[in-house]
């Protein structure tokens, strides 16, 4: 018995040593970073900024691979089912928490099956309209909506995104009757918003900021509790709709079971990036507010956001379109 126990202990120590050695050497080849949306949106832009930093500081390329479709679920499932070796990452975003409740028959449970690695940023969403919409304030939009029930099209970057649920929360709290029109990403949704095919959107600020500054869209309100420094003249939605608040949050996840040494190594490098003045300027230009912390901190964020939006999905009756 003693001999068997000793052999088991030696095997455990050997396995631990191998894992530690892998973490010390990691990464020894390119790392695939899956963004579950098409190129051009906030998730893609943030991932590419951080991927450049990681590539420059970790000795291997962190390669963005866009796997859009299924309301974010195709790319997410791909990562969850990948080997837990640190060479496949996910750009975690609000849809991951929302979809846990919104979709009834997923083959995975996101909070259970993903390993939180590092938070990157929170960003405001912005309530914006086509300039032809006769509303210059949130209250004017509510009044316009009440006079035209069911006639206003509300775009989103996809069912289950924070863009979609921010709009559903607004509908729930104001009684506005709007038709949800989901798109495959922010890019095509913004194109139709600027053309007037749809009238309103609660987009992630980073992807809409250039269009707002150029006058192609009109910002009515930020979805955060405080005004956004990069758009100080735009009030918050909550200044009109008391208690309204919604933010988008982004980070890195890996398949459950990825060695903790690898998780900690990536986490440390992301936190170094979030302390770098030049990186902070790039993120601020996108409306991003850093959320540094440990892997456990980010895992808690995933759990908290999943619980928060579950209430909104249930109360609003939001459906997959």
C-alpha atoms as a PDB file:
ATOM      1  CA  UNK A   1       0.000   0.000   0.000  1.00  0.00           C
ATOM      2  CA  UNK A   2       2.809   2.397   0.967  1.00  0.00           C
ATOM      3  CA  UNK A   3       4.575   1.638  -2.317  1.00  0.00           C
ATOM      4  CA  UNK A   4       1.412   2.387  -4.336  1.00  0.00           C
ATOM      5  CA  UNK A   5       0.869   5.641  -2.458  1.00  0.00           C
ATOM      6  CA  UNK A   6       4.452   6.637  -3.084  1.00  0.00           C
ATOM      7  CA  UNK A   7       4.132   5.894  -6.810  1.00  0.00           C
ATOM      8  CA  UNK A   8       0.916   7.944  -6.951  1.00  0.00           C
ATOM      9  CA  UNK A   9       2.595  10.860  -5.179  1.00  0.00           C
ATOM     10  CA  UNK A  10       5.569  10.733  -7.541  1.00  0.00           C
ATOM     11  CA  UNK A  11       3.227  10.670 -10.546  1.00  0.00           C
ATOM     12  CA  UNK A  12       1.321  13.668  -9.182  1.00  0.00           C
ATOM     13  CA  UNK A  13       4.528  15.603  -8.632  1.00  0.00           C
ATOM     14  CA  UNK A  14       5.719  14.731 -12.122  1.00  0.00           C
ATOM     15  CA  UNK A  15       2.445  15.903 -13.657  1.00  0.00           C
ATOM     16  CA  UNK A  16       2.657  19.122 -11.660  1.00  0.00           C
ATOM     17  CA  UNK A  17       6.220  19.679 -12.825  1.00  0.00           C
ATOM     18  CA  UNK A  18       5.196  19.160 -16.448  1.00  0.00           C
ATOM     19  CA  UNK A  19       2.325  21.634 -16.077  1.00  0.00           C
ATOM     20  CA  UNK A  20       4.610  24.215 -14.469  1.00  0.00           C
ATOM     21  CA  UNK A  21       7.184  23.751 -17.212  1.00  0.00           C
ATOM     22  CA  UNK A  22       4.508  24.244 -19.871  1.00  0.00           C
ATOM     23  CA  UNK A  23       3.382  27.433 -18.160  1.00  0.00           C
ATOM     24  CA  UNK A  24       6.945  28.770 -17.979  1.00  0.00           C
ATOM     25  CA  UNK A  25       7.443  28.164 -21.702  1.00  0.00           C
ATOM     26  CA  UNK A  26       3.917  29.269 -22.719  1.00  0.00           C
ATOM     27  CA  UNK A  27       3.232  30.255 -25.409  1.00  0.00           C
ATOM     28  CA  UNK A  28       5.468  28.238 -27.716  1.00  0.00           C
ATOM     29  CA  UNK A  29       3.219  28.662 -30.769  1.00  0.00           C
ATOM     30  CA  UNK A  30       0.545  31.111 -31.970  1.00  0.00           C
ATOM     31  CA  UNK A  31      -2.570  31.495 -29.823  1.00  0.00           C
ATOM     32  CA  UNK A  32      -5.995  31.591 -31.478  1.00  0.00           C
ATOM     33  CA  UNK A  33      -8.283  34.268 -30.051  1.00  0.00           C
ATOM     34  CA  UNK A  34     -11.887  33.704 -31.121  1.00  0.00           C
ATOM     35  CA  UNK A  35     -14.121  36.755 -31.497  1.00  0.00           C
ATOM     36  CA  UNK A  36     -17.706  35.487 -31.928  1.00  0.00           C
ATOM     37  CA  UNK A  37     -18.728  38.413 -34.145  1.00  0.00           C
ATOM     38  CA  UNK A  38     -17.841  39.694 -37.617  1.00  0.00           C
ATOM     39  CA  UNK A  39     -14.973  42.182 -37.974  1.00  0.00           C
ATOM     40  CA  UNK A  40     -15.733  45.825 -37.320  1.00  0.00           C
ATOM     41  CA  UNK A  41     -17.618  45.868 -34.016  1.00  0.00           C
ATOM     42  CA  UNK A  42     -16.516  46.727 -30.493  1.00  0.00           C
ATOM     43  CA  UNK A  43     -15.540  43.188 -29.558  1.00  0.00           C
ATOM     44  CA  UNK A  44     -13.338  42.894 -32.640  1.00  0.00           C
ATOM     45  CA  UNK A  45     -11.697  46.301 -32.134  1.00  0.00           C
ATOM     46  CA  UNK A  46     -10.890  45.652 -28.477  1.00  0.00           C
ATOM     47  CA  UNK A  47      -9.544  42.184 -29.198  1.00  0.00           C
ATOM     48  CA  UNK A  48      -7.219  43.462 -31.905  1.00  0.00           C
ATOM     49  CA  UNK A  49      -5.800  46.178 -29.647  1.00  0.00           C
ATOM     50  CA  UNK A  50      -5.098  43.709 -26.854  1.00  0.00           C
ATOM     51  CA  UNK A  51      -3.898  40.990 -29.254  1.00  0.00           C
ATOM     52  CA  UNK A  52      -1.230  43.350 -30.539  1.00  0.00           C
ATOM     53  CA  UNK A  53       0.009  43.950 -26.988  1.00  0.00           C
ATOM     54  CA  UNK A  54       0.043  40.247 -26.117  1.00  0.00           C
ATOM     55  CA  UNK A  55       1.836  39.393 -29.361  1.00  0.00           C
ATOM     56  CA  UNK A  56       4.515  41.991 -28.673  1.00  0.00           C
ATOM     57  CA  UNK A  57       5.038  41.016 -25.033  1.00  0.00           C
ATOM     58  CA  UNK A  58       4.528  37.239 -24.911  1.00  0.00           C
ATOM     59  CA  UNK A  59       6.736  36.161 -27.812  1.00  0.00           C
ATOM     60  CA  UNK A  60       4.064  34.573 -30.023  1.00  0.00           C
ATOM     61  CA  UNK A  61       1.285  35.869 -32.234  1.00  0.00           C
ATOM     62  CA  UNK A  62      -2.208  36.120 -30.732  1.00  0.00           C
ATOM     63  CA  UNK A  63      -4.286  35.673 -33.878  1.00  0.00           C
ATOM     64  CA  UNK A  64      -7.863  36.953 -34.071  1.00  0.00           C
ATOM     65  CA  UNK A  65     -10.316  34.513 -35.644  1.00  0.00           C
ATOM     66  CA  UNK A  66     -13.842  35.822 -36.208  1.00  0.00           C
ATOM     67  CA  UNK A  67     -16.436  33.071 -35.729  1.00  0.00           C
ATOM     68  CA  UNK A  68     -19.768  34.850 -36.043  1.00  0.00           C
ATOM     69  CA  UNK A  69     -23.237  33.365 -35.970  1.00  0.00           C
ATOM     70  CA  UNK A  70     -25.768  31.786 -33.683  1.00  0.00           C
ATOM     71  CA  UNK A  71     -26.098  34.902 -31.554  1.00  0.00           C
ATOM     72  CA  UNK A  72     -22.501  34.513 -30.350  1.00  0.00           C
ATOM     73  CA  UNK A  73     -22.942  30.833 -29.556  1.00  0.00           C
ATOM     74  CA  UNK A  74     -21.004  29.296 -32.474  1.00  0.00           C
ATOM     75  CA  UNK A  75     -17.708  30.883 -31.502  1.00  0.00           C
ATOM     76  CA  UNK A  76     -18.343  30.325 -27.808  1.00  0.00           C
ATOM     77  CA  UNK A  77     -19.092  26.622 -28.242  1.00  0.00           C
ATOM     78  CA  UNK A  78     -15.980  26.247 -30.395  1.00  0.00           C
ATOM     79  CA  UNK A  79     -13.769  27.582 -27.602  1.00  0.00           C
ATOM     80  CA  UNK A  80     -15.487  25.626 -24.838  1.00  0.00           C
ATOM     81  CA  UNK A  81     -14.946  22.397 -26.813  1.00  0.00           C
ATOM     82  CA  UNK A  82     -11.301  23.183 -27.622  1.00  0.00           C
ATOM     83  CA  UNK A  83      -8.397  21.534 -25.757  1.00  0.00           C
ATOM     84  CA  UNK A  84      -7.762  23.306 -22.420  1.00  0.00           C
ATOM     85  CA  UNK A  85      -4.142  24.041 -23.250  1.00  0.00           C
ATOM     86  CA  UNK A  86      -4.115  27.837 -23.421  1.00  0.00           C
ATOM     87  CA  UNK A  87      -3.954  28.028 -27.209  1.00  0.00           C
ATOM     88  CA  UNK A  88      -7.619  28.883 -27.795  1.00  0.00           C
ATOM     89  CA  UNK A  89      -9.168  31.934 -26.118  1.00  0.00           C
ATOM     90  CA  UNK A  90     -12.561  33.624 -26.284  1.00  0.00           C
ATOM     91  CA  UNK A  91     -13.330  37.328 -26.342  1.00  0.00           C
ATOM     92  CA  UNK A  92     -15.914  37.165 -23.551  1.00  0.00           C
ATOM     93  CA  UNK A  93     -18.711  39.703 -23.905  1.00  0.00           C
ATOM     94  CA  UNK A  94     -22.187  40.465 -22.517  1.00  0.00           C
ATOM     95  CA  UNK A  95     -23.970  38.051 -24.856  1.00  0.00           C
ATOM     96  CA  UNK A  96     -22.260  35.157 -23.109  1.00  0.00           C
ATOM     97  CA  UNK A  97     -24.048  35.952 -19.858  1.00  0.00           C
ATOM     98  CA  UNK A  98     -27.318  36.923 -21.521  1.00  0.00           C
ATOM     99  CA  UNK A  99     -27.540  33.818 -23.694  1.00  0.00           C
ATOM    100  CA  UNK A 100     -27.455  31.542 -20.659  1.00  0.00           C
ATOM    101  CA  UNK A 101     -31.086  32.526 -20.075  1.00  0.00           C
ATOM    102  CA  UNK A 102     -32.152  33.688 -23.536  1.00  0.00           C
ATOM    103  CA  UNK A 103     -31.374  30.392 -25.297  1.00  0.00           C
ATOM    104  CA  UNK A 104     -33.140  27.358 -23.849  1.00  0.00           C
ATOM    105  CA  UNK A 105     -31.276  24.473 -25.514  1.00  0.00           C
ATOM    106  CA  UNK A 106     -27.575  25.344 -25.526  1.00  0.00           C
ATOM    107  CA  UNK A 107     -25.155  22.428 -25.415  1.00  0.00           C
ATOM    108  CA  UNK A 108     -23.073  24.256 -22.797  1.00  0.00           C
ATOM    109  CA  UNK A 109     -23.504  26.325 -19.645  1.00  0.00           C
ATOM    110  CA  UNK A 110     -21.260  29.344 -20.022  1.00  0.00           C
ATOM    111  CA  UNK A 111     -20.540  30.235 -16.369  1.00  0.00           C
ATOM    112  CA  UNK A 112     -19.784  26.577 -15.667  1.00  0.00           C
ATOM    113  CA  UNK A 113     -17.805  25.683 -18.787  1.00  0.00           C
ATOM    114  CA  UNK A 114     -15.554  28.720 -19.263  1.00  0.00           C
ATOM    115  CA  UNK A 115     -12.478  29.675 -17.279  1.00  0.00           C
ATOM    116  CA  UNK A 116     -12.395  33.426 -16.672  1.00  0.00           C
ATOM    117  CA  UNK A 117      -8.879  34.689 -17.398  1.00  0.00           C
ATOM    118  CA  UNK A 118      -8.909  38.497 -17.320  1.00  0.00           C
ATOM    119  CA  UNK A 119     -11.252  41.418 -17.580  1.00  0.00           C
ATOM    120  CA  UNK A 120     -10.353  44.055 -20.167  1.00  0.00           C
ATOM    121  CA  UNK A 121     -12.873  46.920 -20.152  1.00  0.00           C
ATOM    122  CA  UNK A 122     -16.392  48.059 -19.526  1.00  0.00           C
ATOM    123  CA  UNK A 123     -17.923  50.378 -22.097  1.00  0.00           C
ATOM    124  CA  UNK A 124     -21.117  52.399 -22.143  1.00  0.00           C
ATOM    125  CA  UNK A 125     -23.813  51.677 -24.634  1.00  0.00           C
ATOM    126  CA  UNK A 126     -25.278  54.724 -26.313  1.00  0.00           C
ATOM    127  CA  UNK A 127     -28.895  55.298 -27.230  1.00  0.00           C
ATOM    128  CA  UNK A 128     -28.693  56.791 -30.707  1.00  0.00           C
ATOM    129  CA  UNK A 129     -31.079  57.594 -33.521  1.00  0.00           C
ATOM    130  CA  UNK A 130     -31.022  58.388 -37.199  1.00  0.00           C
ATOM    131  CA  UNK A 131     -30.881  62.200 -37.522  1.00  0.00           C
ATOM    132  CA  UNK A 132     -34.266  62.177 -39.299  1.00  0.00           C
ATOM    133  CA  UNK A 133     -35.974  60.941 -36.146  1.00  0.00           C
ATOM    134  CA  UNK A 134     -37.754  63.988 -34.647  1.00  0.00           C
ATOM    135  CA  UNK A 135     -36.355  63.530 -31.149  1.00  0.00           C
ATOM    136  CA  UNK A 136     -33.349  65.293 -29.643  1.00  0.00           C
ATOM    137  CA  UNK A 137     -33.717  64.019 -26.076  1.00  0.00           C
ATOM    138  CA  UNK A 138     -34.625  60.749 -24.396  1.00  0.00           C
ATOM    139  CA  UNK A 139     -37.964  62.198 -23.255  1.00  0.00           C
ATOM    140  CA  UNK A 140     -38.787  63.433 -26.750  1.00  0.00           C
ATOM    141  CA  UNK A 141     -38.027  59.939 -28.074  1.00  0.00           C
ATOM    142  CA  UNK A 142     -40.324  58.336 -25.476  1.00  0.00           C
ATOM    143  CA  UNK A 143     -43.101  60.751 -26.448  1.00  0.00           C
ATOM    144  CA  UNK A 144     -42.513  60.034 -30.154  1.00  0.00           C
ATOM    145  CA  UNK A 145     -42.545  56.301 -29.487  1.00  0.00           C
ATOM    146  CA  UNK A 146     -45.823  56.494 -27.548  1.00  0.00           C
ATOM    147  CA  UNK A 147     -47.417  58.272 -30.508  1.00  0.00           C
ATOM    148  CA  UNK A 148     -46.133  55.605 -32.923  1.00  0.00           C
ATOM    149  CA  UNK A 149     -46.470  52.238 -31.168  1.00  0.00           C
ATOM    150  CA  UNK A 150     -45.007  49.333 -33.112  1.00  0.00           C
ATOM    151  CA  UNK A 151     -43.742  51.598 -35.888  1.00  0.00           C
ATOM    152  CA  UNK A 152     -40.187  52.209 -34.646  1.00  0.00           C
ATOM    153  CA  UNK A 153     -37.510  49.673 -35.581  1.00  0.00           C
ATOM    154  CA  UNK A 154     -34.847  49.051 -32.939  1.00  0.00           C
ATOM    155  CA  UNK A 155     -31.630  47.626 -34.373  1.00  0.00           C
ATOM    156  CA  UNK A 156     -29.155  45.449 -32.520  1.00  0.00           C
ATOM    157  CA  UNK A 157     -25.920  43.661 -33.340  1.00  0.00           C
ATOM    158  CA  UNK A 158     -27.688  40.372 -32.684  1.00  0.00           C
ATOM    159  CA  UNK A 159     -30.194  38.665 -30.413  1.00  0.00           C
ATOM    160  CA  UNK A 160     -28.800  38.349 -26.911  1.00  0.00           C
ATOM    161  CA  UNK A 161     -26.196  41.098 -27.194  1.00  0.00           C
ATOM    162  CA  UNK A 162     -25.965  43.890 -24.643  1.00  0.00           C
ATOM    163  CA  UNK A 163     -27.165  46.129 -27.482  1.00  0.00           C
ATOM    164  CA  UNK A 164     -30.370  44.074 -27.734  1.00  0.00           C
ATOM    165  CA  UNK A 165     -30.972  43.750 -23.987  1.00  0.00           C
ATOM    166  CA  UNK A 166     -30.207  47.416 -23.305  1.00  0.00           C
ATOM    167  CA  UNK A 167     -33.070  48.180 -25.675  1.00  0.00           C
ATOM    168  CA  UNK A 168     -35.317  45.579 -24.053  1.00  0.00           C
ATOM    169  CA  UNK A 169     -34.605  47.107 -20.640  1.00  0.00           C
ATOM    170  CA  UNK A 170     -35.541  50.531 -22.029  1.00  0.00           C
ATOM    171  CA  UNK A 171     -38.786  49.140 -23.452  1.00  0.00           C
ATOM    172  CA  UNK A 172     -39.568  47.459 -20.145  1.00  0.00           C
ATOM    173  CA  UNK A 173     -38.973  50.616 -18.089  1.00  0.00           C
ATOM    174  CA  UNK A 174     -40.703  53.108 -20.432  1.00  0.00           C
ATOM    175  CA  UNK A 175     -43.491  51.103 -22.041  1.00  0.00           C
ATOM    176  CA  UNK A 176     -42.157  51.948 -25.503  1.00  0.00           C
ATOM    177  CA  UNK A 177     -43.414  49.519 -28.149  1.00  0.00           C
ATOM    178  CA  UNK A 178     -40.564  49.002 -30.645  1.00  0.00           C
ATOM    179  CA  UNK A 179     -39.802  46.221 -33.121  1.00  0.00           C
ATOM    180  CA  UNK A 180     -36.454  44.511 -32.541  1.00  0.00           C
ATOM    181  CA  UNK A 181     -34.424  44.016 -35.731  1.00  0.00           C
ATOM    182  CA  UNK A 182     -31.316  41.878 -35.072  1.00  0.00           C
ATOM    183  CA  UNK A 183     -28.265  42.001 -37.359  1.00  0.00           C
ATOM    184  CA  UNK A 184     -25.149  39.886 -37.642  1.00  0.00           C
ATOM    185  CA  UNK A 185     -22.850  42.367 -35.969  1.00  0.00           C
ATOM    186  CA  UNK A 186     -22.676  46.101 -35.332  1.00  0.00           C
ATOM    187  CA  UNK A 187     -21.381  46.979 -38.814  1.00  0.00           C
ATOM    188  CA  UNK A 188     -24.498  46.103 -40.844  1.00  0.00           C
ATOM    189  CA  UNK A 189     -26.784  47.403 -38.085  1.00  0.00           C
ATOM    190  CA  UNK A 190     -25.069  50.798 -38.150  1.00  0.00           C
ATOM    191  CA  UNK A 191     -25.270  50.915 -41.945  1.00  0.00           C
ATOM    192  CA  UNK A 192     -29.042  50.506 -41.829  1.00  0.00           C
ATOM    193  CA  UNK A 193     -29.372  52.929 -38.914  1.00  0.00           C
ATOM    194  CA  UNK A 194     -27.538  55.622 -40.878  1.00  0.00           C
ATOM    195  CA  UNK A 195     -29.658  54.954 -43.964  1.00  0.00           C
ATOM    196  CA  UNK A 196     -32.888  55.194 -41.973  1.00  0.00           C
ATOM    197  CA  UNK A 197     -34.001  51.578 -42.484  1.00  0.00           C
ATOM    198  CA  UNK A 198     -34.082  51.328 -38.671  1.00  0.00           C
ATOM    199  CA  UNK A 199     -34.529  54.276 -36.337  1.00  0.00           C
ATOM    200  CA  UNK A 200     -32.831  53.583 -32.999  1.00  0.00           C
ATOM    201  CA  UNK A 201     -30.051  51.473 -31.505  1.00  0.00           C
ATOM    202  CA  UNK A 202     -28.417  51.037 -28.086  1.00  0.00           C
ATOM    203  CA  UNK A 203     -24.975  50.342 -29.495  1.00  0.00           C
ATOM    204  CA  UNK A 204     -21.655  49.799 -27.751  1.00  0.00           C
ATOM    205  CA  UNK A 205     -20.120  53.270 -27.754  1.00  0.00           C
ATOM    206  CA  UNK A 206     -16.770  52.290 -29.343  1.00  0.00           C
ATOM    207  CA  UNK A 207     -18.319  51.205 -32.650  1.00  0.00           C
ATOM    208  CA  UNK A 208     -20.690  54.189 -32.865  1.00  0.00           C
ATOM    209  CA  UNK A 209     -18.495  57.022 -31.569  1.00  0.00           C
ATOM    210  CA  UNK A 210     -17.045  57.958 -35.006  1.00  0.00           C
ATOM    211  CA  UNK A 211     -20.506  58.117 -36.563  1.00  0.00           C
ATOM    212  CA  UNK A 212     -21.816  60.287 -33.729  1.00  0.00           C
ATOM    213  CA  UNK A 213     -18.870  62.680 -33.988  1.00  0.00           C
ATOM    214  CA  UNK A 214     -19.363  62.904 -37.760  1.00  0.00           C
ATOM    215  CA  UNK A 215     -23.045  63.802 -37.321  1.00  0.00           C
ATOM    216  CA  UNK A 216     -24.278  60.679 -39.079  1.00  0.00           C
ATOM    217  CA  UNK A 217     -26.054  59.586 -35.882  1.00  0.00           C
ATOM    218  CA  UNK A 218     -27.576  61.531 -32.989  1.00  0.00           C
ATOM    219  CA  UNK A 219     -26.732  60.415 -29.452  1.00  0.00           C
ATOM    220  CA  UNK A 220     -29.639  60.783 -27.029  1.00  0.00           C
ATOM    221  CA  UNK A 221     -28.194  59.177 -23.910  1.00  0.00           C
ATOM    222  CA  UNK A 222     -25.477  57.020 -22.381  1.00  0.00           C
ATOM    223  CA  UNK A 223     -26.540  53.849 -20.601  1.00  0.00           C
ATOM    224  CA  UNK A 224     -24.145  54.256 -17.665  1.00  0.00           C
ATOM    225  CA  UNK A 225     -25.041  55.853 -14.322  1.00  0.00           C
ATOM    226  CA  UNK A 226     -22.620  58.734 -14.923  1.00  0.00           C
ATOM    227  CA  UNK A 227     -21.914  60.773 -18.033  1.00  0.00           C
ATOM    228  CA  UNK A 228     -19.200  59.514 -20.358  1.00  0.00           C
ATOM    229  CA  UNK A 229     -16.110  61.802 -20.271  1.00  0.00           C
ATOM    230  CA  UNK A 230     -15.541  61.452 -24.017  1.00  0.00           C
ATOM    231  CA  UNK A 231     -19.082  62.788 -24.665  1.00  0.00           C
ATOM    232  CA  UNK A 232     -19.682  65.110 -21.697  1.00  0.00           C
ATOM    233  CA  UNK A 233     -22.652  66.877 -23.296  1.00  0.00           C
ATOM    234  CA  UNK A 234     -24.630  63.662 -23.780  1.00  0.00           C
ATOM    235  CA  UNK A 235     -26.807  62.955 -20.718  1.00  0.00           C
ATOM    236  CA  UNK A 236     -27.375  59.496 -19.319  1.00  0.00           C
ATOM    237  CA  UNK A 237     -30.608  57.654 -20.095  1.00  0.00           C
ATOM    238  CA  UNK A 238     -31.032  57.374 -16.328  1.00  0.00           C
ATOM    239  CA  UNK A 239     -31.364  61.141 -16.009  1.00  0.00           C
ATOM    240  CA  UNK A 240     -34.762  60.685 -17.669  1.00  0.00           C
ATOM    241  CA  UNK A 241     -35.579  57.023 -16.954  1.00  0.00           C
ATOM    242  CA  UNK A 242     -34.764  56.705 -13.265  1.00  0.00           C
ATOM    243  CA  UNK A 243     -32.842  53.555 -12.379  1.00  0.00           C
ATOM    244  CA  UNK A 244     -31.867  52.688 -15.942  1.00  0.00           C
ATOM    245  CA  UNK A 245     -28.296  51.342 -16.274  1.00  0.00           C
ATOM    246  CA  UNK A 246     -26.527  48.984 -18.661  1.00  0.00           C
ATOM    247  CA  UNK A 247     -22.895  48.504 -19.616  1.00  0.00           C
ATOM    248  CA  UNK A 248     -20.991  46.200 -21.921  1.00  0.00           C
ATOM    249  CA  UNK A 249     -18.098  44.250 -20.427  1.00  0.00           C
ATOM    250  CA  UNK A 250     -15.304  42.410 -22.178  1.00  0.00           C
ATOM    251  CA  UNK A 251     -12.529  40.022 -21.214  1.00  0.00           C
ATOM    252  CA  UNK A 252     -10.728  36.777 -21.953  1.00  0.00           C
ATOM    253  CA  UNK A 253     -11.917  33.244 -21.308  1.00  0.00           C
ATOM    254  CA  UNK A 254     -10.365  29.823 -21.904  1.00  0.00           C
ATOM    255  CA  UNK A 255     -11.828  26.310 -21.790  1.00  0.00           C
ATOM    256  CA  UNK A 256     -12.447  25.022 -18.278  1.00  0.00           C
ATOM    257  CA  UNK A 257      -9.494  22.942 -17.130  1.00  0.00           C
ATOM    258  CA  UNK A 258      -6.804  25.183 -18.632  1.00  0.00           C
ATOM    259  CA  UNK A 259      -3.780  25.012 -16.285  1.00  0.00           C
ATOM    260  CA  UNK A 260      -3.924  27.768 -13.693  1.00  0.00           C
ATOM    261  CA  UNK A 261      -0.296  28.672 -14.366  1.00  0.00           C
ATOM    262  CA  UNK A 262      -1.194  29.560 -17.968  1.00  0.00           C
ATOM    263  CA  UNK A 263      -4.318  31.455 -16.891  1.00  0.00           C
ATOM    264  CA  UNK A 264      -2.300  33.465 -14.385  1.00  0.00           C
ATOM    265  CA  UNK A 265       0.410  34.220 -16.946  1.00  0.00           C
ATOM    266  CA  UNK A 266      -2.067  35.692 -19.440  1.00  0.00           C
ATOM    267  CA  UNK A 267      -3.894  37.520 -16.655  1.00  0.00           C
ATOM    268  CA  UNK A 268      -0.671  39.161 -15.476  1.00  0.00           C
ATOM    269  CA  UNK A 269       0.165  40.368 -18.980  1.00  0.00           C
ATOM    270  CA  UNK A 270      -3.321  41.785 -19.531  1.00  0.00           C
ATOM    271  CA  UNK A 271      -3.079  43.656 -16.230  1.00  0.00           C
ATOM    272  CA  UNK A 272       0.283  45.073 -17.299  1.00  0.00           C
ATOM    273  CA  UNK A 273      -1.352  46.272 -20.503  1.00  0.00           C
ATOM    274  CA  UNK A 274      -4.174  47.911 -18.534  1.00  0.00           C
ATOM    275  CA  UNK A 275      -1.594  49.875 -16.533  1.00  0.00           C
ATOM    276  CA  UNK A 276       0.223  51.170 -19.612  1.00  0.00           C
ATOM    277  CA  UNK A 277      -0.517  54.857 -20.417  1.00  0.00           C
ATOM    278  CA  UNK A 278      -0.506  54.341 -24.189  1.00  0.00           C
ATOM    279  CA  UNK A 279      -2.840  51.358 -23.938  1.00  0.00           C
ATOM    280  CA  UNK A 280      -5.154  53.354 -21.686  1.00  0.00           C
ATOM    281  CA  UNK A 281      -5.301  56.107 -24.322  1.00  0.00           C
ATOM    282  CA  UNK A 282      -6.293  53.587 -26.988  1.00  0.00           C
ATOM    283  CA  UNK A 283      -8.995  52.100 -24.787  1.00  0.00           C
ATOM    284  CA  UNK A 284     -10.275  55.528 -23.709  1.00  0.00           C
ATOM    285  CA  UNK A 285     -10.626  56.515 -27.365  1.00  0.00           C
ATOM    286  CA  UNK A 286     -13.057  53.607 -27.664  1.00  0.00           C
ATOM    287  CA  UNK A 287     -14.930  54.604 -24.511  1.00  0.00           C
ATOM    288  CA  UNK A 288     -13.385  51.711 -22.595  1.00  0.00           C
ATOM    289  CA  UNK A 289     -12.833  51.796 -18.828  1.00  0.00           C
ATOM    290  CA  UNK A 290     -10.279  49.176 -17.654  1.00  0.00           C
ATOM    291  CA  UNK A 291     -11.380  46.374 -15.323  1.00  0.00           C
ATOM    292  CA  UNK A 292      -8.111  44.851 -14.093  1.00  0.00           C
ATOM    293  CA  UNK A 293      -8.161  42.051 -11.553  1.00  0.00           C
ATOM    294  CA  UNK A 294      -7.523  38.378 -10.927  1.00  0.00           C
ATOM    295  CA  UNK A 295      -9.031  35.451 -12.849  1.00  0.00           C
ATOM    296  CA  UNK A 296     -11.350  34.931  -9.886  1.00  0.00           C
ATOM    297  CA  UNK A 297     -12.479  38.560 -10.111  1.00  0.00           C
ATOM    298  CA  UNK A 298     -13.433  38.080 -13.747  1.00  0.00           C
ATOM    299  CA  UNK A 299     -15.186  34.784 -12.991  1.00  0.00           C
ATOM    300  CA  UNK A 300     -17.311  36.680 -10.460  1.00  0.00           C
ATOM    301  CA  UNK A 301     -18.112  39.328 -13.077  1.00  0.00           C
ATOM    302  CA  UNK A 302     -19.354  36.579 -15.408  1.00  0.00           C
ATOM    303  CA  UNK A 303     -21.589  35.158 -12.659  1.00  0.00           C
ATOM    304  CA  UNK A 304     -22.952  38.557 -11.594  1.00  0.00           C
ATOM    305  CA  UNK A 305     -23.710  39.726 -15.135  1.00  0.00           C
ATOM    306  CA  UNK A 306     -25.379  36.412 -15.984  1.00  0.00           C
ATOM    307  CA  UNK A 307     -27.684  36.777 -12.960  1.00  0.00           C
ATOM    308  CA  UNK A 308     -28.459  40.445 -13.708  1.00  0.00           C
ATOM    309  CA  UNK A 309     -29.480  39.918 -17.324  1.00  0.00           C
ATOM    310  CA  UNK A 310     -31.411  36.751 -16.535  1.00  0.00           C
ATOM    311  CA  UNK A 311     -33.865  39.004 -14.680  1.00  0.00           C
ATOM    312  CA  UNK A 312     -34.167  41.342 -17.684  1.00  0.00           C
ATOM    313  CA  UNK A 313     -34.664  38.486 -20.153  1.00  0.00           C
ATOM    314  CA  UNK A 314     -37.368  36.969 -17.953  1.00  0.00           C
ATOM    315  CA  UNK A 315     -39.159  40.231 -17.132  1.00  0.00           C
ATOM    316  CA  UNK A 316     -39.078  41.612 -20.689  1.00  0.00           C
ATOM    317  CA  UNK A 317     -40.018  38.346 -22.376  1.00  0.00           C
ATOM    318  CA  UNK A 318     -37.128  38.839 -24.815  1.00  0.00           C
ATOM    319  CA  UNK A 319     -37.013  36.196 -27.516  1.00  0.00           C
ATOM    320  CA  UNK A 320     -34.425  34.906 -29.985  1.00  0.00           C
ATOM    321  CA  UNK A 321     -35.339  36.382 -33.380  1.00  0.00           C
END
